[in-house]
Amino acid sequence: MKTVLKGLPSDFPLTERPYEDMADAMGITGQALIDELAALKKAGYIRRVSAMVAHRAVSYEGNAMVVWHVPDDEMEKAGAVMAGFDEVSHCYERGTGGYWHYNLYTMVHARTRKDCMTVIERMASQSGVGDYRVLFSTREFKKTSFAIKDD
C-alpha cells in the first residue's frame, strides 16, 4: 500500500496510458496499480485520484465559494442538484458551529465573475435554495498533493 502511494507522482502523466506508465515506474502492472487504488479507496485510505486544475492559469477568473442555507430534510436533494453542475468542483455539507447557518458549500468556477453568477443563479433556481452568499476568490496561496511520511 505505502509503495503505491509513494510511487504516485505529484503530476499525473499526460500520456495515452498514465496508469501503465506509473505502474511501470513502480515495478508492477497497470492492472495491479488500479486494483490497489480500488482497495485503498474501499478501505477508506483515499477518496479518489483526480486532477487539480490551476483555474487562474487557464483563464478562469470567476472562482467562488458559495455557502448555502439548506434545511436538513432537503440536503440530499439540494446537494445532488448542485454537485451535478459541471462548473462545481466541490460540494459538501458542513456543520454550522451554532453561529453561522450556512451548511452546504460549493466551489464554482467560470471564466468571469459574471459567468460565475449566472451559474450560481441557475443552481439556486434548480435547487430551490435562495439563502446563499457568494465569496469570490481574491488570491490563491497554495495547492499541494498529499505526502507520505517515512516511518
N, C-alpha and C. Protein backbone atom coordinates (compact mmCIF):
# COMPACT_ATOMS: atom_id res chain seq x y z
N MET A 1 0.82 -1.19 0.00
CA MET A 1 0.00 0.00 0.00
C MET A 1 0.87 1.25 0.00
N LYS A 2 1.80 1.36 0.94
CA LYS A 2 2.63 2.54 1.04
C LYS A 2 3.48 2.72 -0.21
N THR A 3 3.93 1.61 -0.79
CA THR A 3 4.73 1.66 -2.01
C THR A 3 3.94 2.31 -3.14
N VAL A 4 2.69 1.94 -3.26
CA VAL A 4 1.85 2.52 -4.31
C VAL A 4 1.62 4.00 -4.04
N LEU A 5 1.29 4.37 -2.82
CA LEU A 5 1.05 5.77 -2.50
C LEU A 5 2.30 6.61 -2.71
N LYS A 6 3.44 6.09 -2.31
CA LYS A 6 4.70 6.82 -2.51
C LYS A 6 5.05 6.91 -4.00
N GLY A 7 4.66 5.92 -4.76
CA GLY A 7 5.00 5.88 -6.18
C GLY A 7 4.15 6.76 -7.06
N LEU A 8 3.03 7.25 -6.54
CA LEU A 8 2.18 8.12 -7.35
C LEU A 8 2.87 9.46 -7.53
N PRO A 9 3.01 9.91 -8.76
CA PRO A 9 3.69 11.19 -8.99
C PRO A 9 2.80 12.37 -8.59
N SER A 10 3.42 13.50 -8.27
CA SER A 10 2.63 14.68 -7.94
C SER A 10 1.97 15.25 -9.18
N ASP A 11 2.57 15.02 -10.33
CA ASP A 11 1.97 15.43 -11.61
C ASP A 11 1.55 14.18 -12.36
N PHE A 12 0.27 14.03 -12.57
CA PHE A 12 -0.27 12.88 -13.29
C PHE A 12 0.29 12.90 -14.71
N PRO A 13 0.83 11.78 -15.19
CA PRO A 13 1.42 11.79 -16.53
C PRO A 13 0.36 12.03 -17.62
N LEU A 14 0.68 12.92 -18.53
CA LEU A 14 -0.22 13.21 -19.65
C LEU A 14 0.18 12.33 -20.82
N THR A 15 -0.17 11.07 -20.68
CA THR A 15 0.16 10.09 -21.70
C THR A 15 -1.09 9.30 -22.06
N GLU A 16 -0.97 8.48 -23.08
CA GLU A 16 -2.11 7.68 -23.52
C GLU A 16 -2.52 6.66 -22.47
N ARG A 17 -1.57 6.13 -21.70
CA ARG A 17 -1.85 5.11 -20.68
C ARG A 17 -1.14 5.49 -19.38
N PRO A 18 -1.67 6.50 -18.67
CA PRO A 18 -0.97 7.00 -17.47
C PRO A 18 -0.81 5.97 -16.37
N TYR A 19 -1.81 5.12 -16.16
CA TYR A 19 -1.69 4.12 -15.09
C TYR A 19 -0.60 3.09 -15.43
N GLU A 20 -0.50 2.72 -16.67
CA GLU A 20 0.58 1.80 -17.09
C GLU A 20 1.94 2.45 -16.86
N ASP A 21 2.06 3.72 -17.22
CA ASP A 21 3.34 4.42 -17.05
C ASP A 21 3.72 4.53 -15.57
N MET A 22 2.76 4.88 -14.73
CA MET A 22 3.05 4.97 -13.29
C MET A 22 3.39 3.59 -12.73
N ALA A 23 2.65 2.57 -13.16
CA ALA A 23 2.88 1.22 -12.67
C ALA A 23 4.26 0.72 -13.09
N ASP A 24 4.66 1.00 -14.33
CA ASP A 24 5.99 0.60 -14.79
C ASP A 24 7.08 1.16 -13.88
N ALA A 25 6.93 2.43 -13.50
CA ALA A 25 7.91 3.06 -12.61
C ALA A 25 7.94 2.41 -11.23
N MET A 26 6.81 1.80 -10.82
CA MET A 26 6.72 1.13 -9.52
C MET A 26 7.10 -0.34 -9.59
N GLY A 27 7.27 -0.85 -10.81
CA GLY A 27 7.61 -2.26 -10.98
C GLY A 27 6.42 -3.20 -10.87
N ILE A 28 5.21 -2.69 -11.15
CA ILE A 28 4.01 -3.51 -11.12
C ILE A 28 3.24 -3.31 -12.43
N THR A 29 2.18 -4.06 -12.61
CA THR A 29 1.36 -3.90 -13.81
C THR A 29 0.35 -2.78 -13.61
N GLY A 30 -0.16 -2.27 -14.70
CA GLY A 30 -1.19 -1.25 -14.64
C GLY A 30 -2.43 -1.74 -13.91
N GLN A 31 -2.81 -2.98 -14.18
CA GLN A 31 -3.99 -3.54 -13.52
C GLN A 31 -3.76 -3.69 -12.02
N ALA A 32 -2.53 -4.07 -11.62
CA ALA A 32 -2.21 -4.18 -10.20
C ALA A 32 -2.32 -2.81 -9.52
N LEU A 33 -1.89 -1.77 -10.20
CA LEU A 33 -2.00 -0.41 -9.65
C LEU A 33 -3.46 -0.02 -9.49
N ILE A 34 -4.25 -0.26 -10.52
CA ILE A 34 -5.68 0.08 -10.45
C ILE A 34 -6.36 -0.71 -9.34
N ASP A 35 -6.05 -2.00 -9.22
CA ASP A 35 -6.63 -2.82 -8.16
C ASP A 35 -6.24 -2.31 -6.78
N GLU A 36 -4.98 -1.92 -6.61
CA GLU A 36 -4.51 -1.42 -5.31
C GLU A 36 -5.19 -0.09 -4.97
N LEU A 37 -5.35 0.79 -5.95
CA LEU A 37 -6.05 2.05 -5.71
C LEU A 37 -7.51 1.80 -5.33
N ALA A 38 -8.14 0.84 -5.97
CA ALA A 38 -9.53 0.49 -5.64
C ALA A 38 -9.61 -0.04 -4.21
N ALA A 39 -8.64 -0.86 -3.81
CA ALA A 39 -8.63 -1.40 -2.45
C ALA A 39 -8.39 -0.29 -1.42
N LEU A 40 -7.51 0.65 -1.74
CA LEU A 40 -7.25 1.78 -0.84
C LEU A 40 -8.50 2.64 -0.69
N LYS A 41 -9.23 2.80 -1.78
CA LYS A 41 -10.47 3.58 -1.72
C LYS A 41 -11.51 2.84 -0.87
N LYS A 42 -11.67 1.56 -1.12
CA LYS A 42 -12.66 0.77 -0.38
C LYS A 42 -12.35 0.76 1.12
N ALA A 43 -11.06 0.73 1.46
CA ALA A 43 -10.65 0.71 2.87
C ALA A 43 -10.72 2.10 3.51
N GLY A 44 -10.97 3.13 2.71
CA GLY A 44 -11.10 4.47 3.24
C GLY A 44 -9.80 5.25 3.37
N TYR A 45 -8.71 4.71 2.81
CA TYR A 45 -7.43 5.42 2.88
C TYR A 45 -7.36 6.59 1.90
N ILE A 46 -8.03 6.46 0.77
CA ILE A 46 -8.10 7.55 -0.20
C ILE A 46 -9.56 7.71 -0.63
N ARG A 47 -9.90 8.89 -1.08
CA ARG A 47 -11.25 9.12 -1.58
C ARG A 47 -11.30 9.01 -3.09
N ARG A 48 -10.25 9.50 -3.75
CA ARG A 48 -10.23 9.48 -5.20
C ARG A 48 -8.85 9.85 -5.70
N VAL A 49 -8.64 9.59 -6.97
CA VAL A 49 -7.47 10.07 -7.69
C VAL A 49 -8.04 11.01 -8.74
N SER A 50 -7.63 12.27 -8.68
CA SER A 50 -8.22 13.24 -9.61
C SER A 50 -7.24 14.34 -9.94
N ALA A 51 -7.59 15.09 -10.96
CA ALA A 51 -6.76 16.21 -11.39
C ALA A 51 -7.04 17.43 -10.52
N MET A 52 -6.02 18.22 -10.30
CA MET A 52 -6.17 19.53 -9.67
C MET A 52 -5.88 20.56 -10.76
N VAL A 53 -6.85 21.39 -11.05
CA VAL A 53 -6.68 22.39 -12.09
C VAL A 53 -6.32 23.72 -11.45
N ALA A 54 -5.30 24.36 -11.98
CA ALA A 54 -4.95 25.71 -11.56
C ALA A 54 -5.85 26.64 -12.37
N HIS A 55 -7.03 26.93 -11.82
CA HIS A 55 -8.07 27.64 -12.56
C HIS A 55 -7.60 28.98 -13.11
N ARG A 56 -6.87 29.73 -12.34
CA ARG A 56 -6.40 31.04 -12.81
C ARG A 56 -5.42 30.88 -13.97
N ALA A 57 -4.63 29.82 -13.95
CA ALA A 57 -3.66 29.60 -15.02
C ALA A 57 -4.33 29.30 -16.35
N VAL A 58 -5.56 28.83 -16.32
CA VAL A 58 -6.29 28.54 -17.56
C VAL A 58 -7.41 29.56 -17.79
N SER A 59 -7.19 30.78 -17.27
CA SER A 59 -8.07 31.94 -17.51
C SER A 59 -9.45 31.82 -16.89
N TYR A 60 -9.58 31.12 -15.78
CA TYR A 60 -10.84 31.09 -15.05
C TYR A 60 -10.71 32.08 -13.89
N GLU A 61 -11.30 33.25 -14.07
CA GLU A 61 -11.22 34.31 -13.06
C GLU A 61 -12.43 34.34 -12.15
N GLY A 62 -13.51 33.65 -12.53
CA GLY A 62 -14.73 33.64 -11.73
C GLY A 62 -14.79 32.43 -10.82
N ASN A 63 -13.97 32.42 -9.79
CA ASN A 63 -13.94 31.30 -8.84
C ASN A 63 -14.57 31.75 -7.54
N ALA A 64 -15.57 31.02 -7.08
CA ALA A 64 -16.27 31.45 -5.86
C ALA A 64 -16.66 30.28 -4.98
N MET A 65 -16.51 30.50 -3.68
CA MET A 65 -17.09 29.61 -2.68
C MET A 65 -18.49 30.15 -2.45
N VAL A 66 -19.47 29.29 -2.60
CA VAL A 66 -20.84 29.70 -2.34
C VAL A 66 -21.32 28.91 -1.13
N VAL A 67 -21.82 29.62 -0.13
CA VAL A 67 -22.35 28.99 1.07
C VAL A 67 -23.87 29.09 1.02
N TRP A 68 -24.53 27.98 1.30
CA TRP A 68 -25.98 27.86 1.15
C TRP A 68 -26.60 27.45 2.48
N HIS A 69 -27.77 28.00 2.78
CA HIS A 69 -28.53 27.54 3.94
C HIS A 69 -29.61 26.60 3.42
N VAL A 70 -29.44 25.31 3.73
CA VAL A 70 -30.36 24.29 3.23
C VAL A 70 -31.00 23.59 4.42
N PRO A 71 -32.33 23.51 4.45
CA PRO A 71 -32.98 22.75 5.52
C PRO A 71 -32.48 21.30 5.51
N ASP A 72 -32.30 20.73 6.69
CA ASP A 72 -31.76 19.37 6.80
C ASP A 72 -32.50 18.36 5.94
N ASP A 73 -33.82 18.46 5.89
CA ASP A 73 -34.60 17.47 5.15
C ASP A 73 -34.49 17.65 3.62
N GLU A 74 -33.84 18.72 3.17
CA GLU A 74 -33.66 18.97 1.74
C GLU A 74 -32.20 18.84 1.30
N MET A 75 -31.32 18.51 2.23
CA MET A 75 -29.89 18.50 1.98
C MET A 75 -29.49 17.54 0.86
N GLU A 76 -29.94 16.30 0.91
CA GLU A 76 -29.55 15.31 -0.11
C GLU A 76 -29.96 15.77 -1.50
N LYS A 77 -31.19 16.24 -1.64
CA LYS A 77 -31.69 16.67 -2.93
C LYS A 77 -30.93 17.89 -3.44
N ALA A 78 -30.78 18.91 -2.58
CA ALA A 78 -30.07 20.13 -2.99
C ALA A 78 -28.62 19.83 -3.32
N GLY A 79 -27.97 19.02 -2.51
CA GLY A 79 -26.58 18.67 -2.77
C GLY A 79 -26.40 17.95 -4.09
N ALA A 80 -27.31 17.04 -4.40
CA ALA A 80 -27.23 16.31 -5.67
C ALA A 80 -27.42 17.25 -6.86
N VAL A 81 -28.35 18.18 -6.75
CA VAL A 81 -28.58 19.15 -7.83
C VAL A 81 -27.32 19.99 -8.05
N MET A 82 -26.78 20.53 -6.98
CA MET A 82 -25.63 21.42 -7.10
C MET A 82 -24.38 20.69 -7.57
N ALA A 83 -24.17 19.49 -7.05
CA ALA A 83 -23.00 18.71 -7.47
C ALA A 83 -23.09 18.30 -8.93
N GLY A 84 -24.28 18.32 -9.50
CA GLY A 84 -24.46 17.94 -10.89
C GLY A 84 -24.04 18.99 -11.90
N PHE A 85 -23.72 20.19 -11.45
CA PHE A 85 -23.27 21.25 -12.36
C PHE A 85 -21.81 21.03 -12.73
N ASP A 86 -21.50 21.10 -14.01
CA ASP A 86 -20.12 20.92 -14.47
C ASP A 86 -19.18 21.96 -13.87
N GLU A 87 -19.68 23.13 -13.56
CA GLU A 87 -18.85 24.22 -13.04
C GLU A 87 -18.52 24.06 -11.56
N VAL A 88 -19.09 23.06 -10.90
CA VAL A 88 -18.87 22.82 -9.47
C VAL A 88 -17.77 21.77 -9.28
N SER A 89 -16.69 22.18 -8.61
CA SER A 89 -15.60 21.23 -8.35
C SER A 89 -15.72 20.58 -6.98
N HIS A 90 -16.36 21.24 -6.03
CA HIS A 90 -16.54 20.72 -4.68
C HIS A 90 -17.96 21.03 -4.22
N CYS A 91 -18.56 20.09 -3.53
CA CYS A 91 -19.88 20.30 -2.96
C CYS A 91 -19.95 19.45 -1.70
N TYR A 92 -20.08 20.09 -0.54
CA TYR A 92 -20.08 19.32 0.70
C TYR A 92 -20.88 20.01 1.79
N GLU A 93 -21.38 19.18 2.68
CA GLU A 93 -22.14 19.64 3.84
C GLU A 93 -21.18 19.89 4.99
N ARG A 94 -21.46 20.95 5.75
CA ARG A 94 -20.65 21.28 6.93
C ARG A 94 -21.57 21.64 8.08
N GLY A 95 -21.09 21.40 9.27
CA GLY A 95 -21.81 21.84 10.46
C GLY A 95 -21.78 23.36 10.55
N THR A 96 -22.72 23.91 11.26
CA THR A 96 -22.83 25.37 11.35
C THR A 96 -22.09 25.95 12.54
N GLY A 97 -21.71 25.13 13.48
CA GLY A 97 -20.99 25.61 14.64
C GLY A 97 -21.83 26.45 15.59
N GLY A 98 -23.14 26.55 15.30
CA GLY A 98 -24.02 27.30 16.17
C GLY A 98 -24.00 28.81 15.99
N TYR A 99 -23.14 29.30 15.09
CA TYR A 99 -23.03 30.75 14.90
C TYR A 99 -23.22 31.18 13.45
N TRP A 100 -23.46 30.24 12.57
CA TRP A 100 -23.49 30.52 11.13
C TRP A 100 -24.45 29.51 10.55
N HIS A 101 -25.45 29.93 9.84
CA HIS A 101 -26.48 28.96 9.42
C HIS A 101 -26.23 28.33 8.05
N TYR A 102 -25.14 28.69 7.39
CA TYR A 102 -24.85 28.10 6.07
C TYR A 102 -24.23 26.72 6.26
N ASN A 103 -24.85 25.72 5.65
CA ASN A 103 -24.45 24.34 5.90
C ASN A 103 -24.09 23.54 4.65
N LEU A 104 -24.19 24.15 3.47
CA LEU A 104 -23.77 23.48 2.23
C LEU A 104 -22.81 24.42 1.52
N TYR A 105 -21.66 23.88 1.10
CA TYR A 105 -20.61 24.68 0.48
C TYR A 105 -20.35 24.14 -0.92
N THR A 106 -20.21 25.06 -1.88
CA THR A 106 -19.85 24.67 -3.25
C THR A 106 -18.73 25.57 -3.75
N MET A 107 -17.84 25.02 -4.56
CA MET A 107 -16.85 25.82 -5.28
C MET A 107 -17.30 25.86 -6.73
N VAL A 108 -17.48 27.06 -7.25
CA VAL A 108 -17.97 27.27 -8.60
C VAL A 108 -16.88 27.96 -9.40
N HIS A 109 -16.63 27.48 -10.63
CA HIS A 109 -15.58 28.03 -11.48
C HIS A 109 -16.17 28.42 -12.83
N ALA A 110 -15.82 29.61 -13.29
CA ALA A 110 -16.25 30.09 -14.60
C ALA A 110 -15.21 31.07 -15.12
N ARG A 111 -15.30 31.39 -16.38
CA ARG A 111 -14.31 32.29 -16.99
C ARG A 111 -14.32 33.69 -16.37
N THR A 112 -15.51 34.19 -16.04
CA THR A 112 -15.63 35.54 -15.47
C THR A 112 -16.53 35.49 -14.24
N ARG A 113 -16.49 36.55 -13.45
CA ARG A 113 -17.38 36.64 -12.29
C ARG A 113 -18.85 36.67 -12.74
N LYS A 114 -19.12 37.35 -13.84
CA LYS A 114 -20.49 37.41 -14.36
C LYS A 114 -20.97 36.00 -14.74
N ASP A 115 -20.12 35.23 -15.43
CA ASP A 115 -20.48 33.85 -15.78
C ASP A 115 -20.71 33.02 -14.53
N CYS A 116 -19.88 33.26 -13.53
CA CYS A 116 -20.00 32.53 -12.27
C CYS A 116 -21.36 32.83 -11.62
N MET A 117 -21.74 34.09 -11.61
CA MET A 117 -23.02 34.47 -11.02
C MET A 117 -24.19 33.86 -11.79
N THR A 118 -24.05 33.75 -13.10
CA THR A 118 -25.10 33.12 -13.91
C THR A 118 -25.28 31.66 -13.50
N VAL A 119 -24.17 30.97 -13.30
CA VAL A 119 -24.22 29.57 -12.86
C VAL A 119 -24.86 29.47 -11.48
N ILE A 120 -24.45 30.34 -10.57
CA ILE A 120 -24.97 30.32 -9.20
C ILE A 120 -26.48 30.57 -9.19
N GLU A 121 -26.93 31.49 -10.01
CA GLU A 121 -28.37 31.76 -10.10
C GLU A 121 -29.13 30.54 -10.64
N ARG A 122 -28.54 29.84 -11.61
CA ARG A 122 -29.15 28.59 -12.11
C ARG A 122 -29.19 27.53 -11.00
N MET A 123 -28.12 27.45 -10.23
CA MET A 123 -28.07 26.49 -9.12
C MET A 123 -29.18 26.78 -8.11
N ALA A 124 -29.33 28.06 -7.76
CA ALA A 124 -30.37 28.45 -6.81
C ALA A 124 -31.75 28.11 -7.35
N SER A 125 -31.97 28.40 -8.61
CA SER A 125 -33.27 28.15 -9.23
C SER A 125 -33.58 26.65 -9.27
N GLN A 126 -32.62 25.85 -9.73
CA GLN A 126 -32.86 24.42 -9.88
C GLN A 126 -32.95 23.69 -8.54
N SER A 127 -32.24 24.18 -7.53
CA SER A 127 -32.25 23.51 -6.22
C SER A 127 -33.38 24.03 -5.33
N GLY A 128 -33.89 25.22 -5.64
CA GLY A 128 -34.91 25.83 -4.79
C GLY A 128 -34.34 26.48 -3.54
N VAL A 129 -33.01 26.64 -3.48
CA VAL A 129 -32.36 27.24 -2.31
C VAL A 129 -32.06 28.70 -2.62
N GLY A 130 -32.66 29.61 -1.88
CA GLY A 130 -32.49 31.02 -2.14
C GLY A 130 -31.62 31.77 -1.14
N ASP A 131 -31.29 31.12 -0.02
CA ASP A 131 -30.48 31.77 1.00
C ASP A 131 -29.03 31.34 0.81
N TYR A 132 -28.22 32.23 0.21
CA TYR A 132 -26.82 31.90 -0.04
C TYR A 132 -25.98 33.17 -0.07
N ARG A 133 -24.67 32.98 0.06
CA ARG A 133 -23.70 34.07 -0.03
C ARG A 133 -22.59 33.61 -0.96
N VAL A 134 -22.11 34.55 -1.78
CA VAL A 134 -21.04 34.27 -2.74
C VAL A 134 -19.76 34.93 -2.24
N LEU A 135 -18.72 34.12 -2.11
CA LEU A 135 -17.42 34.60 -1.65
C LEU A 135 -16.40 34.36 -2.77
N PHE A 136 -16.11 35.39 -3.55
CA PHE A 136 -15.19 35.25 -4.67
C PHE A 136 -13.76 35.12 -4.18
N SER A 137 -12.99 34.27 -4.85
CA SER A 137 -11.57 34.13 -4.54
C SER A 137 -10.85 35.41 -4.96
N THR A 138 -9.93 35.85 -4.12
CA THR A 138 -9.13 37.01 -4.48
C THR A 138 -7.67 36.65 -4.68
N ARG A 139 -7.23 35.58 -4.01
CA ARG A 139 -5.83 35.18 -4.12
C ARG A 139 -5.71 33.70 -3.79
N GLU A 140 -4.86 33.00 -4.49
CA GLU A 140 -4.62 31.58 -4.20
C GLU A 140 -3.25 31.46 -3.55
N PHE A 141 -3.22 30.82 -2.40
CA PHE A 141 -1.97 30.71 -1.67
C PHE A 141 -1.18 29.46 -2.03
N LYS A 142 -1.82 28.30 -2.00
CA LYS A 142 -1.06 27.08 -2.20
C LYS A 142 -1.98 25.92 -2.52
N LYS A 143 -1.56 25.10 -3.45
CA LYS A 143 -2.23 23.83 -3.72
C LYS A 143 -1.15 22.77 -3.68
N THR A 144 -1.39 21.72 -2.92
CA THR A 144 -0.41 20.65 -2.84
C THR A 144 -1.12 19.31 -2.89
N SER A 145 -0.36 18.32 -3.29
CA SER A 145 -0.84 16.94 -3.24
C SER A 145 -0.49 16.38 -1.86
N PHE A 146 -0.97 15.18 -1.59
CA PHE A 146 -0.65 14.55 -0.32
C PHE A 146 0.82 14.15 -0.28
N ALA A 147 1.32 13.91 0.90
CA ALA A 147 2.69 13.45 1.07
C ALA A 147 2.67 12.27 2.03
N ILE A 148 3.48 11.29 1.78
CA ILE A 148 3.62 10.11 2.63
C ILE A 148 4.87 10.28 3.47
N LYS A 149 4.71 10.18 4.78
CA LYS A 149 5.87 10.27 5.67
C LYS A 149 6.49 8.91 5.86
N ASP A 150 7.82 8.89 5.92
CA ASP A 150 8.53 7.65 6.22
C ASP A 150 8.43 7.37 7.71
N ASP A 151 8.32 6.09 8.06
CA ASP A 151 8.26 5.72 9.48
C ASP A 151 9.65 5.72 10.09
